[in-house]
Amino acid sequence: MHYLVIYDGNCNLCSTLVQQLERWEKGQLFRYAPMQDQATLQRYSLSPQDCDRGMIVIDLKNPNERWQGADAAEKIALLLPAA
């Protein structure tokens, strides 16, 4: 897994999207954590307020490389293998 997707675990749309992503990419590219996981937020120096702007994708090889909101969705789409 090369990327961490931090999503709103209280959002049905976000949770459903993550479930679909897990089925699609079968754990090859992404690891997933809800924004409610305080240990993950601390590990990546994120506050709950940082999460207010939407889903976050973090490059696990270079954790300073991050995408959020629409940029995160675009990054996920670019990384997914073509069908």
PDB file of N, CA and C in Angstrom:
ATOM      1  N   MET A   1       0.834  -1.169   0.000  1.00  0.00           N
ATOM      2  CA  MET A   1       0.000   0.000   0.000  1.00  0.00           C
ATOM      3  C   MET A   1       0.882   1.237   0.000  1.00  0.00           C
ATOM      4  N   HIS A   2       0.560   2.140  -0.868  1.00  0.00           N
ATOM      5  CA  HIS A   2       1.401   3.314  -1.033  1.00  0.00           C
ATOM      6  C   HIS A   2       0.750   4.603  -0.556  1.00  0.00           C
ATOM      7  N   TYR A   3      -0.565   4.571  -0.342  1.00  0.00           N
ATOM      8  CA  TYR A   3      -1.289   5.786   0.011  1.00  0.00           C
ATOM      9  C   TYR A   3      -2.258   5.511   1.152  1.00  0.00           C
ATOM     10  N   LEU A   4      -2.468   6.535   1.964  1.00  0.00           N
ATOM     11  CA  LEU A   4      -3.456   6.474   3.032  1.00  0.00           C
ATOM     12  C   LEU A   4      -4.609   7.383   2.655  1.00  0.00           C
ATOM     13  N   VAL A   5      -5.812   6.859   2.713  1.00  0.00           N
ATOM     14  CA  VAL A   5      -7.022   7.637   2.476  1.00  0.00           C
ATOM     15  C   VAL A   5      -7.685   7.865   3.828  1.00  0.00           C
ATOM     16  N   ILE A   6      -7.796   9.128   4.211  1.00  0.00           N
ATOM     17  CA  ILE A   6      -8.476   9.487   5.451  1.00  0.00           C
ATOM     18  C   ILE A   6      -9.830  10.056   5.051  1.00  0.00           C
ATOM     19  N   TYR A   7     -10.884   9.435   5.536  1.00  0.00           N
ATOM     20  CA  TYR A   7     -12.240   9.774   5.121  1.00  0.00           C
ATOM     21  C   TYR A   7     -13.126   9.963   6.354  1.00  0.00           C
ATOM     22  N   ASP A   8     -14.281  10.559   6.158  1.00  0.00           N
ATOM     23  CA  ASP A   8     -15.230  10.773   7.251  1.00  0.00           C
ATOM     24  C   ASP A   8     -16.009   9.486   7.488  1.00  0.00           C
ATOM     25  N   GLY A   9     -15.688   8.813   8.559  1.00  0.00           N
ATOM     26  CA  GLY A   9     -16.339   7.541   8.884  1.00  0.00           C
ATOM     27  C   GLY A   9     -17.790   7.701   9.286  1.00  0.00           C
ATOM     28  N   ASN A  10     -18.242   8.938   9.540  1.00  0.00           N
ATOM     29  CA  ASN A  10     -19.642   9.185   9.887  1.00  0.00           C
ATOM     30  C   ASN A  10     -20.479   9.520   8.663  1.00  0.00           C
ATOM     31  N   CYS A  11     -19.848   9.638   7.524  1.00  0.00           N
ATOM     32  CA  CYS A  11     -20.536   9.999   6.281  1.00  0.00           C
ATOM     33  C   CYS A  11     -20.831   8.714   5.500  1.00  0.00           C
ATOM     34  N   ASN A  12     -22.111   8.459   5.258  1.00  0.00           N
ATOM     35  CA  ASN A  12     -22.485   7.243   4.517  1.00  0.00           C
ATOM     36  C   ASN A  12     -21.901   7.228   3.114  1.00  0.00           C
ATOM     37  N   LEU A  13     -21.896   8.364   2.444  1.00  0.00           N
ATOM     38  CA  LEU A  13     -21.339   8.439   1.093  1.00  0.00           C
ATOM     39  C   LEU A  13     -19.847   8.108   1.113  1.00  0.00           C
ATOM     40  N   CYS A  14     -19.119   8.702   2.057  1.00  0.00           N
ATOM     41  CA  CYS A  14     -17.670   8.454   2.161  1.00  0.00           C
ATOM     42  C   CYS A  14     -17.380   6.990   2.479  1.00  0.00           C
ATOM     43  N   SER A  15     -18.122   6.438   3.422  1.00  0.00           N
ATOM     44  CA  SER A  15     -17.914   5.045   3.812  1.00  0.00           C
ATOM     45  C   SER A  15     -18.224   4.097   2.659  1.00  0.00           C
ATOM     46  N   THR A  16     -19.272   4.392   1.910  1.00  0.00           N
ATOM     47  CA  THR A  16     -19.625   3.565   0.755  1.00  0.00           C
ATOM     48  C   THR A  16     -18.547   3.667  -0.316  1.00  0.00           C
ATOM     49  N   LEU A  17     -18.036   4.877  -0.542  1.00  0.00           N
ATOM     50  CA  LEU A  17     -16.964   5.062  -1.512  1.00  0.00           C
ATOM     51  C   LEU A  17     -15.744   4.238  -1.125  1.00  0.00           C
ATOM     52  N   VAL A  18     -15.380   4.264   0.143  1.00  0.00           N
ATOM     53  CA  VAL A  18     -14.217   3.502   0.608  1.00  0.00           C
ATOM     54  C   VAL A  18     -14.458   1.999   0.420  1.00  0.00           C
ATOM     55  N   GLN A  19     -15.653   1.526   0.714  1.00  0.00           N
ATOM     56  CA  GLN A  19     -15.957   0.108   0.507  1.00  0.00           C
ATOM     57  C   GLN A  19     -15.794  -0.273  -0.959  1.00  0.00           C
ATOM     58  N   GLN A  20     -16.262   0.583  -1.851  1.00  0.00           N
ATOM     59  CA  GLN A  20     -16.132   0.320  -3.285  1.00  0.00           C
ATOM     60  C   GLN A  20     -14.659   0.344  -3.710  1.00  0.00           C
ATOM     61  N   LEU A  21     -13.908   1.310  -3.188  1.00  0.00           N
ATOM     62  CA  LEU A  21     -12.477   1.374  -3.499  1.00  0.00           C
ATOM     63  C   LEU A  21     -11.752   0.122  -3.042  1.00  0.00           C
ATOM     64  N   GLU A  22     -12.078  -0.349  -1.839  1.00  0.00           N
ATOM     65  CA  GLU A  22     -11.437  -1.562  -1.317  1.00  0.00           C
ATOM     66  C   GLU A  22     -11.698  -2.749  -2.229  1.00  0.00           C
ATOM     67  N   ARG A  23     -12.914  -2.862  -2.725  1.00  0.00           N
ATOM     68  CA  ARG A  23     -13.252  -3.963  -3.644  1.00  0.00           C
ATOM     69  C   ARG A  23     -12.526  -3.809  -4.969  1.00  0.00           C
ATOM     70  N   TRP A  24     -12.416  -2.589  -5.434  1.00  0.00           N
ATOM     71  CA  TRP A  24     -11.823  -2.315  -6.742  1.00  0.00           C
ATOM     72  C   TRP A  24     -10.321  -2.573  -6.742  1.00  0.00           C
ATOM     73  N   GLU A  25      -9.626  -1.999  -5.748  1.00  0.00           N
ATOM     74  CA  GLU A  25      -8.167  -2.060  -5.792  1.00  0.00           C
ATOM     75  C   GLU A  25      -7.572  -3.156  -4.913  1.00  0.00           C
ATOM     76  N   LYS A  26      -8.401  -3.846  -4.170  1.00  0.00           N
ATOM     77  CA  LYS A  26      -8.022  -5.040  -3.409  1.00  0.00           C
ATOM     78  C   LYS A  26      -6.794  -4.844  -2.503  1.00  0.00           C
ATOM     79  N   GLY A  27      -6.684  -3.657  -1.888  1.00  0.00           N
ATOM     80  CA  GLY A  27      -5.612  -3.414  -0.940  1.00  0.00           C
ATOM     81  C   GLY A  27      -4.233  -3.237  -1.550  1.00  0.00           C
ATOM     82  N   GLN A  28      -4.165  -3.043  -2.845  1.00  0.00           N
ATOM     83  CA  GLN A  28      -2.874  -2.901  -3.513  1.00  0.00           C
ATOM     84  C   GLN A  28      -2.296  -1.488  -3.407  1.00  0.00           C
ATOM     85  N   LEU A  29      -3.169  -0.485  -3.388  1.00  0.00           N
ATOM     86  CA  LEU A  29      -2.705   0.907  -3.414  1.00  0.00           C
ATOM     87  C   LEU A  29      -2.959   1.678  -2.133  1.00  0.00           C
ATOM     88  N   PHE A  30      -4.093   1.408  -1.518  1.00  0.00           N
ATOM     89  CA  PHE A  30      -4.552   2.266  -0.429  1.00  0.00           C
ATOM     90  C   PHE A  30      -4.723   1.531   0.892  1.00  0.00           C
ATOM     91  N   ARG A  31      -4.489   2.287   1.933  1.00  0.00           N
ATOM     92  CA  ARG A  31      -4.871   1.909   3.289  1.00  0.00           C
ATOM     93  C   ARG A  31      -5.912   2.956   3.683  1.00  0.00           C
ATOM     94  N   TYR A  32      -6.840   2.621   4.547  1.00  0.00           N
ATOM     95  CA  TYR A  32      -7.948   3.524   4.857  1.00  0.00           C
ATOM     96  C   TYR A  32      -8.042   3.761   6.357  1.00  0.00           C
ATOM     97  N   ALA A  33      -8.379   5.004   6.721  1.00  0.00           N
ATOM     98  CA  ALA A  33      -8.590   5.338   8.127  1.00  0.00           C
ATOM     99  C   ALA A  33      -9.666   6.413   8.207  1.00  0.00           C
ATOM    100  N   PRO A  34     -10.594   6.263   9.140  1.00  0.00           N
ATOM    101  CA  PRO A  34     -11.602   7.315   9.307  1.00  0.00           C
ATOM    102  C   PRO A  34     -10.989   8.530  10.008  1.00  0.00           C
ATOM    103  N   MET A  35     -11.543   9.689   9.728  1.00  0.00           N
ATOM    104  CA  MET A  35     -11.090  10.929  10.363  1.00  0.00           C
ATOM    105  C   MET A  35     -11.277  10.895  11.873  1.00  0.00           C
ATOM    106  N   GLN A  36     -12.108   9.997  12.333  1.00  0.00           N
ATOM    107  CA  GLN A  36     -12.390   9.890  13.758  1.00  0.00           C
ATOM    108  C   GLN A  36     -11.291   9.124  14.506  1.00  0.00           C
ATOM    109  N   ASP A  37     -10.334   8.566  13.794  1.00  0.00           N
ATOM    110  CA  ASP A  37      -9.227   7.816  14.400  1.00  0.00           C
ATOM    111  C   ASP A  37      -8.143   8.807  14.842  1.00  0.00           C
ATOM    112  N   GLN A  38      -8.194   9.199  16.093  1.00  0.00           N
ATOM    113  CA  GLN A  38      -7.287  10.218  16.617  1.00  0.00           C
ATOM    114  C   GLN A  38      -5.812   9.805  16.520  1.00  0.00           C
ATOM    115  N   ALA A  39      -5.518   8.536  16.678  1.00  0.00           N
ATOM    116  CA  ALA A  39      -4.125   8.070  16.580  1.00  0.00           C
ATOM    117  C   ALA A  39      -3.570   8.322  15.177  1.00  0.00           C
ATOM    118  N   THR A  40      -4.373   8.068  14.156  1.00  0.00           N
ATOM    119  CA  THR A  40      -3.935   8.315  12.778  1.00  0.00           C
ATOM    120  C   THR A  40      -3.737   9.799  12.548  1.00  0.00           C
ATOM    121  N   LEU A  41      -4.672  10.614  13.026  1.00  0.00           N
ATOM    122  CA  LEU A  41      -4.534  12.056  12.858  1.00  0.00           C
ATOM    123  C   LEU A  41      -3.248  12.553  13.516  1.00  0.00           C
ATOM    124  N   GLN A  42      -2.980  12.073  14.709  1.00  0.00           N
ATOM    125  CA  GLN A  42      -1.752  12.473  15.405  1.00  0.00           C
ATOM    126  C   GLN A  42      -0.516  12.040  14.645  1.00  0.00           C
ATOM    127  N   ARG A  43      -0.512  10.811  14.158  1.00  0.00           N
ATOM    128  CA  ARG A  43       0.637  10.266  13.442  1.00  0.00           C
ATOM    129  C   ARG A  43       1.011  11.140  12.244  1.00  0.00           C
ATOM    130  N   TYR A  44       0.006  11.724  11.597  1.00  0.00           N
ATOM    131  CA  TYR A  44       0.259  12.532  10.401  1.00  0.00           C
ATOM    132  C   TYR A  44       0.085  14.029  10.661  1.00  0.00           C
ATOM    133  N   SER A  45       0.120  14.401  11.936  1.00  0.00           N
ATOM    134  CA  SER A  45       0.045  15.811  12.350  1.00  0.00           C
ATOM    135  C   SER A  45      -1.166  16.527  11.768  1.00  0.00           C
ATOM    136  N   LEU A  46      -2.314  15.879  11.875  1.00  0.00           N
ATOM    137  CA  LEU A  46      -3.567  16.462  11.408  1.00  0.00           C
ATOM    138  C   LEU A  46      -4.469  16.759  12.599  1.00  0.00           C
ATOM    139  N   SER A  47      -5.172  17.858  12.518  1.00  0.00           N
ATOM    140  CA  SER A  47      -6.156  18.184  13.542  1.00  0.00           C
ATOM    141  C   SER A  47      -7.546  17.881  12.976  1.00  0.00           C
ATOM    142  N   PRO A  48      -8.547  17.782  13.841  1.00  0.00           N
ATOM    143  CA  PRO A  48      -9.911  17.609  13.322  1.00  0.00           C
ATOM    144  C   PRO A  48     -10.302  18.745  12.375  1.00  0.00           C
ATOM    145  N   GLN A  49      -9.794  19.939  12.617  1.00  0.00           N
ATOM    146  CA  GLN A  49     -10.098  21.072  11.740  1.00  0.00           C
ATOM    147  C   GLN A  49      -9.487  20.879  10.348  1.00  0.00           C
ATOM    148  N   ASP A  50      -8.329  20.228  10.290  1.00  0.00           N
ATOM    149  CA  ASP A  50      -7.724  19.926   8.987  1.00  0.00           C
ATOM    150  C   ASP A  50      -8.653  19.048   8.154  1.00  0.00           C
ATOM    151  N   CYS A  51      -9.419  18.222   8.826  1.00  0.00           N
ATOM    152  CA  CYS A  51     -10.304  17.276   8.141  1.00  0.00           C
ATOM    153  C   CYS A  51     -11.588  17.939   7.643  1.00  0.00           C
ATOM    154  N   ASP A  52     -11.860  19.142   8.091  1.00  0.00           N
ATOM    155  CA  ASP A  52     -13.085  19.829   7.689  1.00  0.00           C
ATOM    156  C   ASP A  52     -13.153  20.099   6.196  1.00  0.00           C
ATOM    157  N   ARG A  53     -12.015  20.085   5.527  1.00  0.00           N
ATOM    158  CA  ARG A  53     -11.982  20.384   4.090  1.00  0.00           C
ATOM    159  C   ARG A  53     -12.169  19.144   3.231  1.00  0.00           C
ATOM    160  N   GLY A  54     -12.452  17.992   3.852  1.00  0.00           N
ATOM    161  CA  GLY A  54     -12.753  16.798   3.084  1.00  0.00           C
ATOM    162  C   GLY A  54     -11.694  15.714   3.156  1.00  0.00           C
ATOM    163  N   MET A  55     -11.927  14.678   2.384  1.00  0.00           N
ATOM    164  CA  MET A  55     -11.069  13.500   2.323  1.00  0.00           C
ATOM    165  C   MET A  55      -9.622  13.910   2.085  1.00  0.00           C
ATOM    166  N   ILE A  56      -8.708  13.134   2.667  1.00  0.00           N
ATOM    167  CA  ILE A  56      -7.278  13.409   2.533  1.00  0.00           C
ATOM    168  C   ILE A  56      -6.589  12.147   2.008  1.00  0.00           C
ATOM    169  N   VAL A  57      -5.706  12.326   1.057  1.00  0.00           N
ATOM    170  CA  VAL A  57      -4.866  11.232   0.564  1.00  0.00           C
ATOM    171  C   VAL A  57      -3.424  11.610   0.891  1.00  0.00           C
ATOM    172  N   ILE A  58      -2.707  10.692   1.539  1.00  0.00           N
ATOM    173  CA  ILE A  58      -1.319  10.917   1.925  1.00  0.00           C
ATOM    174  C   ILE A  58      -0.445   9.861   1.252  1.00  0.00           C
ATOM    175  N   ASP A  59       0.635  10.315   0.621  1.00  0.00           N
ATOM    176  CA  ASP A  59       1.620   9.412   0.041  1.00  0.00           C
ATOM    177  C   ASP A  59       2.440   8.851   1.206  1.00  0.00           C
ATOM    178  N   LEU A  60       2.349   7.569   1.470  1.00  0.00           N
ATOM    179  CA  LEU A  60       3.019   6.976   2.626  1.00  0.00           C
ATOM    180  C   LEU A  60       4.542   6.935   2.482  1.00  0.00           C
ATOM    181  N   LYS A  61       5.041   7.024   1.265  1.00  0.00           N
ATOM    182  CA  LYS A  61       6.489   7.073   1.064  1.00  0.00           C
ATOM    183  C   LYS A  61       7.026   8.479   1.311  1.00  0.00           C
ATOM    184  N   ASN A  62       6.178   9.466   1.141  1.00  0.00           N
ATOM    185  CA  ASN A  62       6.534  10.864   1.359  1.00  0.00           C
ATOM    186  C   ASN A  62       5.328  11.542   2.013  1.00  0.00           C
ATOM    187  N   PRO A  63       5.158  11.383   3.334  1.00  0.00           N
ATOM    188  CA  PRO A  63       3.950  11.857   4.018  1.00  0.00           C
ATOM    189  C   PRO A  63       3.667  13.356   3.907  1.00  0.00           C
ATOM    190  N   ASN A  64       4.636  14.143   3.480  1.00  0.00           N
ATOM    191  CA  ASN A  64       4.373  15.565   3.264  1.00  0.00           C
ATOM    192  C   ASN A  64       3.612  15.808   1.961  1.00  0.00           C
ATOM    193  N   GLU A  65       3.556  14.797   1.120  1.00  0.00           N
ATOM    194  CA  GLU A  65       2.814  14.872  -0.143  1.00  0.00           C
ATOM    195  C   GLU A  65       1.367  14.475   0.153  1.00  0.00           C
ATOM    196  N   ARG A  66       0.469  15.464   0.061  1.00  0.00           N
ATOM    197  CA  ARG A  66      -0.933  15.244   0.449  1.00  0.00           C
ATOM    198  C   ARG A  66      -1.876  15.929  -0.533  1.00  0.00           C
ATOM    199  N   TRP A  67      -3.060  15.354  -0.650  1.00  0.00           N
ATOM    200  CA  TRP A  67      -4.121  15.924  -1.466  1.00  0.00           C
ATOM    201  C   TRP A  67      -5.382  15.926  -0.622  1.00  0.00           C
ATOM    202  N   GLN A  68      -6.228  16.927  -0.814  1.00  0.00           N
ATOM    203  CA  GLN A  68      -7.436  16.996  -0.004  1.00  0.00           C
ATOM    204  C   GLN A  68      -8.620  17.458  -0.835  1.00  0.00           C
ATOM    205  N   GLY A  69      -9.804  17.003  -0.417  1.00  0.00           N
ATOM    206  CA  GLY A  69     -11.036  17.391  -1.084  1.00  0.00           C
ATOM    207  C   GLY A  69     -11.084  16.882  -2.515  1.00  0.00           C
ATOM    208  N   ALA A  70     -11.416  17.778  -3.445  1.00  0.00           N
ATOM    209  CA  ALA A  70     -11.508  17.394  -4.857  1.00  0.00           C
ATOM    210  C   ALA A  70     -10.168  16.913  -5.391  1.00  0.00           C
ATOM    211  N   ASP A  71      -9.073  17.495  -4.913  1.00  0.00           N
ATOM    212  CA  ASP A  71      -7.744  17.049  -5.342  1.00  0.00           C
ATOM    213  C   ASP A  71      -7.487  15.605  -4.922  1.00  0.00           C
ATOM    214  N   ALA A  72      -7.981  15.226  -3.731  1.00  0.00           N
ATOM    215  CA  ALA A  72      -7.834  13.844  -3.254  1.00  0.00           C
ATOM    216  C   ALA A  72      -8.619  12.884  -4.147  1.00  0.00           C
ATOM    217  N   ALA A  73      -9.841  13.268  -4.495  1.00  0.00           N
ATOM    218  CA  ALA A  73     -10.663  12.419  -5.373  1.00  0.00           C
ATOM    219  C   ALA A  73      -9.998  12.253  -6.734  1.00  0.00           C
ATOM    220  N   GLU A  74      -9.437  13.331  -7.250  1.00  0.00           N
ATOM    221  CA  GLU A  74      -8.748  13.263  -8.543  1.00  0.00           C
ATOM    222  C   GLU A  74      -7.510  12.368  -8.454  1.00  0.00           C
ATOM    223  N   LYS A  75      -6.760  12.480  -7.369  1.00  0.00           N
ATOM    224  CA  LYS A  75      -5.565  11.642  -7.188  1.00  0.00           C
ATOM    225  C   LYS A  75      -5.944  10.162  -7.145  1.00  0.00           C
ATOM    226  N   ILE A  76      -7.012   9.833  -6.400  1.00  0.00           N
ATOM    227  CA  ILE A  76      -7.486   8.450  -6.328  1.00  0.00           C
ATOM    228  C   ILE A  76      -7.837   7.952  -7.724  1.00  0.00           C
ATOM    229  N   ALA A  77      -8.576   8.769  -8.477  1.00  0.00           N
ATOM    230  CA  ALA A  77      -8.987   8.350  -9.819  1.00  0.00           C
ATOM    231  C   ALA A  77      -7.773   8.118 -10.720  1.00  0.00           C
ATOM    232  N   LEU A  78      -6.758   8.944 -10.582  1.00  0.00           N
ATOM    233  CA  LEU A  78      -5.554   8.783 -11.413  1.00  0.00           C
ATOM    234  C   LEU A  78      -4.763   7.528 -11.046  1.00  0.00           C
ATOM    235  N   LEU A  79      -4.822   7.152  -9.773  1.00  0.00           N
ATOM    236  CA  LEU A  79      -4.051   5.998  -9.302  1.00  0.00           C
ATOM    237  C   LEU A  79      -4.728   4.659  -9.576  1.00  0.00           C
ATOM    238  N   LEU A  80      -6.038   4.661  -9.706  1.00  0.00           N
ATOM    239  CA  LEU A  80      -6.763   3.403  -9.891  1.00  0.00           C
ATOM    240  C   LEU A  80      -6.401   2.764 -11.227  1.00  0.00           C
ATOM    241  N   PRO A  81      -6.263   1.459 -11.218  1.00  0.00           N
ATOM    242  CA  PRO A  81      -5.983   0.775 -12.491  1.00  0.00           C
ATOM    243  C   PRO A  81      -7.180   0.896 -13.426  1.00  0.00           C
ATOM    244  N   ALA A  82      -6.895   0.967 -14.703  1.00  0.00           N
ATOM    245  CA  ALA A  82      -7.966   1.037 -15.693  1.00  0.00           C
ATOM    246  C   ALA A  82      -8.732  -0.279 -15.714  1.00  0.00           C
ATOM    247  N   ALA A  83      -9.999  -0.191 -15.932  1.00  0.00           N
ATOM    248  CA  ALA A  83     -10.830  -1.396 -15.971  1.00  0.00           C
ATOM    249  C   ALA A  83     -10.631  -2.165 -17.238  1.00  0.00           C
TER     250      ALA A  83
END
